[in-house]
Amino acid sequence: MADSLGGTRAWQVTWLPEGIRFTVGSGQSLVEAALAAGLSPARSCRNGTCRTCIARLQSGQVRYRVAWPGLSVDEHDEGLILPCVAEAQSDLVVRAGSGPG
């Protein structure tokens, strides 16, 4: 997404439980941005099917690179996301390792 001056839009992400803040640019997945920030998020497939990276979106909005990632409707409604295929649409607070249960 470009800003009004034609630049690339960037969002701030707070990654919990570490409490580390980093920037994610448009077109960049949350896992890609976390890796660039020096974090080591759980990951495997990077296409939304293995669920290794499952996390809880505590605030903000994401969109997905794939039509429907490997989440059930209930998981989606509970705020679970797959950061490997999620792109920020606002500033975010994400709690990694917050799968179902």
N, C-alpha and C. Protein backbone atom coordinates (compact mmCIF):
# COMPACT_ATOMS: atom_id res chain seq x y z
N MET A 1 0.85 -1.17 0.00
CA MET A 1 0.00 0.00 0.00
C MET A 1 0.89 1.23 0.00
N ALA A 2 0.60 2.19 -0.83
CA ALA A 2 1.38 3.42 -0.89
C ALA A 2 0.71 4.50 -0.05
N ASP A 3 1.53 5.37 0.52
CA ASP A 3 0.95 6.49 1.25
C ASP A 3 0.61 7.60 0.27
N SER A 4 0.11 8.73 0.76
CA SER A 4 -0.34 9.81 -0.12
C SER A 4 0.80 10.43 -0.91
N LEU A 5 2.04 10.19 -0.50
CA LEU A 5 3.19 10.73 -1.22
C LEU A 5 3.79 9.71 -2.17
N GLY A 6 3.16 8.54 -2.30
CA GLY A 6 3.62 7.52 -3.22
C GLY A 6 4.65 6.58 -2.61
N GLY A 7 4.92 6.69 -1.31
CA GLY A 7 5.88 5.81 -0.65
C GLY A 7 5.22 4.53 -0.19
N THR A 8 6.02 3.62 0.29
CA THR A 8 5.52 2.35 0.79
C THR A 8 5.01 2.53 2.21
N ARG A 9 3.88 1.96 2.51
CA ARG A 9 3.28 2.05 3.84
C ARG A 9 3.93 1.02 4.77
N ALA A 10 4.21 1.42 5.98
CA ALA A 10 4.77 0.52 6.98
C ALA A 10 3.94 0.61 8.25
N TRP A 11 3.87 -0.51 8.96
CA TRP A 11 3.11 -0.60 10.19
C TRP A 11 4.03 -1.05 11.31
N GLN A 12 3.66 -0.70 12.55
CA GLN A 12 4.41 -1.13 13.73
C GLN A 12 3.78 -2.40 14.30
N VAL A 13 4.63 -3.37 14.62
CA VAL A 13 4.19 -4.62 15.21
C VAL A 13 4.84 -4.76 16.58
N THR A 14 4.05 -5.09 17.58
CA THR A 14 4.59 -5.47 18.88
C THR A 14 4.43 -6.97 18.98
N TRP A 15 5.58 -7.67 19.13
CA TRP A 15 5.62 -9.13 19.13
C TRP A 15 5.77 -9.62 20.56
N LEU A 16 4.75 -10.30 21.05
CA LEU A 16 4.75 -10.80 22.41
C LEU A 16 5.02 -12.30 22.40
N PRO A 17 5.58 -12.90 23.40
CA PRO A 17 5.79 -12.34 24.73
C PRO A 17 7.07 -11.51 24.87
N GLU A 18 7.90 -11.46 23.82
CA GLU A 18 9.17 -10.74 23.92
C GLU A 18 8.99 -9.24 24.12
N GLY A 19 7.89 -8.70 23.62
CA GLY A 19 7.65 -7.26 23.72
C GLY A 19 8.50 -6.45 22.76
N ILE A 20 8.99 -7.09 21.71
CA ILE A 20 9.84 -6.42 20.72
C ILE A 20 8.96 -5.75 19.68
N ARG A 21 9.31 -4.50 19.35
CA ARG A 21 8.59 -3.75 18.32
C ARG A 21 9.43 -3.71 17.06
N PHE A 22 8.78 -3.86 15.93
CA PHE A 22 9.46 -3.77 14.64
C PHE A 22 8.48 -3.28 13.59
N THR A 23 9.01 -2.95 12.44
CA THR A 23 8.22 -2.43 11.34
C THR A 23 7.99 -3.52 10.30
N VAL A 24 6.80 -3.57 9.76
CA VAL A 24 6.47 -4.47 8.66
C VAL A 24 5.98 -3.60 7.51
N GLY A 25 6.56 -3.81 6.34
CA GLY A 25 6.18 -3.05 5.17
C GLY A 25 5.06 -3.71 4.39
N SER A 26 4.43 -2.98 3.52
CA SER A 26 3.37 -3.55 2.69
C SER A 26 3.98 -4.66 1.84
N GLY A 27 3.24 -5.75 1.70
CA GLY A 27 3.71 -6.88 0.92
C GLY A 27 4.64 -7.81 1.67
N GLN A 28 4.97 -7.49 2.92
CA GLN A 28 5.87 -8.32 3.72
C GLN A 28 5.03 -9.10 4.73
N SER A 29 5.29 -10.41 4.86
CA SER A 29 4.55 -11.19 5.85
C SER A 29 5.08 -10.86 7.24
N LEU A 30 4.28 -11.18 8.24
CA LEU A 30 4.71 -10.93 9.62
C LEU A 30 5.93 -11.77 9.97
N VAL A 31 6.01 -13.00 9.48
CA VAL A 31 7.19 -13.83 9.74
C VAL A 31 8.42 -13.22 9.08
N GLU A 32 8.31 -12.75 7.85
CA GLU A 32 9.45 -12.13 7.18
C GLU A 32 9.95 -10.92 7.96
N ALA A 33 9.03 -10.09 8.44
CA ALA A 33 9.41 -8.90 9.20
C ALA A 33 10.02 -9.27 10.54
N ALA A 34 9.46 -10.29 11.21
CA ALA A 34 10.01 -10.73 12.49
C ALA A 34 11.43 -11.25 12.32
N LEU A 35 11.67 -12.02 11.28
CA LEU A 35 13.02 -12.52 11.00
C LEU A 35 13.98 -11.37 10.74
N ALA A 36 13.54 -10.39 9.97
CA ALA A 36 14.39 -9.22 9.68
C ALA A 36 14.70 -8.43 10.94
N ALA A 37 13.80 -8.51 11.94
CA ALA A 37 14.00 -7.80 13.21
C ALA A 37 14.86 -8.60 14.19
N GLY A 38 15.31 -9.78 13.78
CA GLY A 38 16.17 -10.58 14.64
C GLY A 38 15.45 -11.60 15.50
N LEU A 39 14.15 -11.74 15.34
CA LEU A 39 13.39 -12.75 16.08
C LEU A 39 13.48 -14.09 15.36
N SER A 40 13.15 -15.13 16.05
CA SER A 40 13.12 -16.47 15.46
C SER A 40 11.74 -17.09 15.65
N PRO A 41 10.74 -16.57 14.93
CA PRO A 41 9.39 -17.11 15.12
C PRO A 41 9.30 -18.56 14.65
N ALA A 42 8.47 -19.34 15.31
CA ALA A 42 8.21 -20.71 14.86
C ALA A 42 7.66 -20.64 13.45
N ARG A 43 8.18 -21.49 12.58
CA ARG A 43 7.74 -21.48 11.19
C ARG A 43 8.18 -22.77 10.52
N SER A 44 7.52 -23.08 9.41
CA SER A 44 7.90 -24.26 8.66
C SER A 44 7.53 -24.08 7.18
N CYS A 45 6.25 -24.16 6.85
CA CYS A 45 5.84 -24.20 5.44
C CYS A 45 5.88 -22.85 4.74
N ARG A 46 5.57 -21.78 5.45
CA ARG A 46 5.46 -20.43 4.91
C ARG A 46 4.36 -20.27 3.86
N ASN A 47 3.39 -21.18 3.85
CA ASN A 47 2.27 -21.04 2.92
C ASN A 47 0.91 -21.21 3.59
N GLY A 48 0.87 -21.21 4.93
CA GLY A 48 -0.39 -21.22 5.65
C GLY A 48 -1.02 -22.58 5.85
N THR A 49 -0.26 -23.66 5.67
CA THR A 49 -0.88 -24.97 5.83
C THR A 49 -0.40 -25.75 7.05
N CYS A 50 0.83 -25.58 7.50
CA CYS A 50 1.35 -26.43 8.58
C CYS A 50 0.93 -25.96 9.97
N ARG A 51 0.61 -24.68 10.12
CA ARG A 51 0.13 -24.09 11.37
C ARG A 51 1.21 -23.94 12.44
N THR A 52 2.46 -24.16 12.10
CA THR A 52 3.54 -24.03 13.07
C THR A 52 3.62 -22.63 13.65
N CYS A 53 3.33 -21.62 12.86
CA CYS A 53 3.48 -20.23 13.28
C CYS A 53 2.25 -19.63 13.96
N ILE A 54 1.21 -20.42 14.18
CA ILE A 54 -0.06 -19.89 14.69
C ILE A 54 0.17 -18.94 15.87
N ALA A 55 -0.55 -17.84 15.85
CA ALA A 55 -0.41 -16.79 16.87
C ALA A 55 -1.76 -16.15 17.09
N ARG A 56 -1.84 -15.33 18.13
CA ARG A 56 -3.08 -14.62 18.43
C ARG A 56 -2.90 -13.15 18.10
N LEU A 57 -3.80 -12.61 17.31
CA LEU A 57 -3.82 -11.19 16.99
C LEU A 57 -4.57 -10.48 18.12
N GLN A 58 -3.84 -9.76 18.96
CA GLN A 58 -4.45 -9.09 20.10
C GLN A 58 -5.06 -7.75 19.71
N SER A 59 -4.46 -7.10 18.71
CA SER A 59 -5.07 -5.88 18.17
C SER A 59 -4.55 -5.63 16.78
N GLY A 60 -5.38 -4.97 15.99
CA GLY A 60 -5.02 -4.63 14.62
C GLY A 60 -5.73 -5.51 13.61
N GLN A 61 -5.36 -5.31 12.35
CA GLN A 61 -5.98 -6.05 11.26
C GLN A 61 -4.91 -6.57 10.32
N VAL A 62 -5.14 -7.79 9.81
CA VAL A 62 -4.26 -8.39 8.82
C VAL A 62 -5.09 -8.81 7.62
N ARG A 63 -4.41 -9.05 6.53
CA ARG A 63 -5.01 -9.71 5.38
C ARG A 63 -4.08 -10.86 5.02
N TYR A 64 -4.59 -11.80 4.25
CA TYR A 64 -3.82 -12.99 3.93
C TYR A 64 -3.40 -13.02 2.47
N ARG A 65 -2.24 -13.61 2.24
CA ARG A 65 -1.73 -13.81 0.89
C ARG A 65 -2.46 -14.94 0.17
N VAL A 66 -3.13 -15.79 0.91
CA VAL A 66 -3.85 -16.92 0.34
C VAL A 66 -5.34 -16.74 0.63
N ALA A 67 -6.18 -17.38 -0.17
CA ALA A 67 -7.63 -17.18 -0.05
C ALA A 67 -8.15 -17.55 1.33
N TRP A 68 -7.75 -18.69 1.88
CA TRP A 68 -8.17 -19.06 3.23
C TRP A 68 -7.06 -19.90 3.83
N PRO A 69 -6.32 -19.32 4.77
CA PRO A 69 -5.22 -20.08 5.38
C PRO A 69 -5.75 -21.22 6.24
N GLY A 70 -4.87 -22.06 6.73
CA GLY A 70 -5.24 -23.27 7.48
C GLY A 70 -5.80 -23.01 8.86
N LEU A 71 -6.83 -22.20 8.95
CA LEU A 71 -7.52 -21.93 10.21
C LEU A 71 -8.98 -22.31 10.06
N SER A 72 -9.56 -22.84 11.12
CA SER A 72 -11.00 -23.08 11.10
C SER A 72 -11.72 -21.74 11.27
N VAL A 73 -13.00 -21.73 10.99
CA VAL A 73 -13.80 -20.52 11.18
C VAL A 73 -13.76 -20.10 12.65
N ASP A 74 -13.87 -21.07 13.56
CA ASP A 74 -13.82 -20.76 14.99
C ASP A 74 -12.49 -20.15 15.39
N GLU A 75 -11.38 -20.71 14.89
CA GLU A 75 -10.06 -20.16 15.21
C GLU A 75 -9.93 -18.74 14.68
N HIS A 76 -10.38 -18.52 13.47
CA HIS A 76 -10.36 -17.18 12.89
C HIS A 76 -11.16 -16.22 13.76
N ASP A 77 -12.35 -16.64 14.16
CA ASP A 77 -13.21 -15.79 14.99
C ASP A 77 -12.61 -15.52 16.37
N GLU A 78 -11.76 -16.44 16.86
CA GLU A 78 -11.09 -16.27 18.15
C GLU A 78 -9.85 -15.37 18.06
N GLY A 79 -9.51 -14.93 16.85
CA GLY A 79 -8.37 -14.03 16.70
C GLY A 79 -7.06 -14.70 16.39
N LEU A 80 -7.10 -15.99 16.04
CA LEU A 80 -5.86 -16.67 15.67
C LEU A 80 -5.49 -16.30 14.24
N ILE A 81 -4.19 -16.20 14.00
CA ILE A 81 -3.68 -15.86 12.67
C ILE A 81 -2.50 -16.77 12.34
N LEU A 82 -2.14 -16.80 11.07
CA LEU A 82 -0.95 -17.50 10.61
C LEU A 82 0.01 -16.44 10.05
N PRO A 83 0.99 -16.01 10.85
CA PRO A 83 1.89 -14.93 10.46
C PRO A 83 2.69 -15.18 9.18
N CYS A 84 2.86 -16.44 8.78
CA CYS A 84 3.64 -16.72 7.58
C CYS A 84 2.96 -16.20 6.32
N VAL A 85 1.64 -16.06 6.36
CA VAL A 85 0.89 -15.57 5.19
C VAL A 85 0.06 -14.34 5.51
N ALA A 86 0.27 -13.76 6.70
CA ALA A 86 -0.48 -12.57 7.12
C ALA A 86 0.34 -11.32 6.84
N GLU A 87 -0.33 -10.31 6.30
CA GLU A 87 0.27 -9.00 6.05
C GLU A 87 -0.50 -7.96 6.85
N ALA A 88 0.22 -7.05 7.46
CA ALA A 88 -0.41 -6.02 8.30
C ALA A 88 -1.25 -5.07 7.46
N GLN A 89 -2.37 -4.67 8.04
CA GLN A 89 -3.22 -3.63 7.47
C GLN A 89 -3.39 -2.48 8.45
N SER A 90 -2.68 -2.58 9.59
CA SER A 90 -2.69 -1.56 10.64
C SER A 90 -1.54 -1.90 11.58
N ASP A 91 -1.33 -1.07 12.58
CA ASP A 91 -0.40 -1.44 13.64
C ASP A 91 -0.97 -2.67 14.34
N LEU A 92 -0.08 -3.55 14.82
CA LEU A 92 -0.52 -4.83 15.37
C LEU A 92 0.12 -5.13 16.71
N VAL A 93 -0.59 -5.93 17.49
CA VAL A 93 -0.01 -6.60 18.66
C VAL A 93 -0.29 -8.08 18.43
N VAL A 94 0.79 -8.88 18.37
CA VAL A 94 0.69 -10.30 18.07
C VAL A 94 1.33 -11.08 19.20
N ARG A 95 0.62 -12.09 19.69
CA ARG A 95 1.17 -12.99 20.71
C ARG A 95 1.50 -14.31 20.05
N ALA A 96 2.81 -14.54 19.85
CA ALA A 96 3.28 -15.76 19.21
C ALA A 96 3.08 -16.95 20.13
N GLY A 97 2.94 -18.13 19.54
CA GLY A 97 2.78 -19.34 20.33
C GLY A 97 1.48 -19.41 21.08
N SER A 98 0.45 -18.74 20.57
CA SER A 98 -0.85 -18.71 21.24
C SER A 98 -1.89 -19.49 20.46
N GLY A 99 -1.55 -20.72 20.18
CA GLY A 99 -2.47 -21.57 19.45
C GLY A 99 -3.70 -21.92 20.25
N PRO A 100 -4.57 -22.72 19.67
CA PRO A 100 -5.80 -23.09 20.36
C PRO A 100 -5.51 -23.83 21.67
N GLY A 101 -6.42 -23.65 22.60
CA GLY A 101 -6.29 -24.40 23.83
C GLY A 101 -5.83 -23.64 25.00
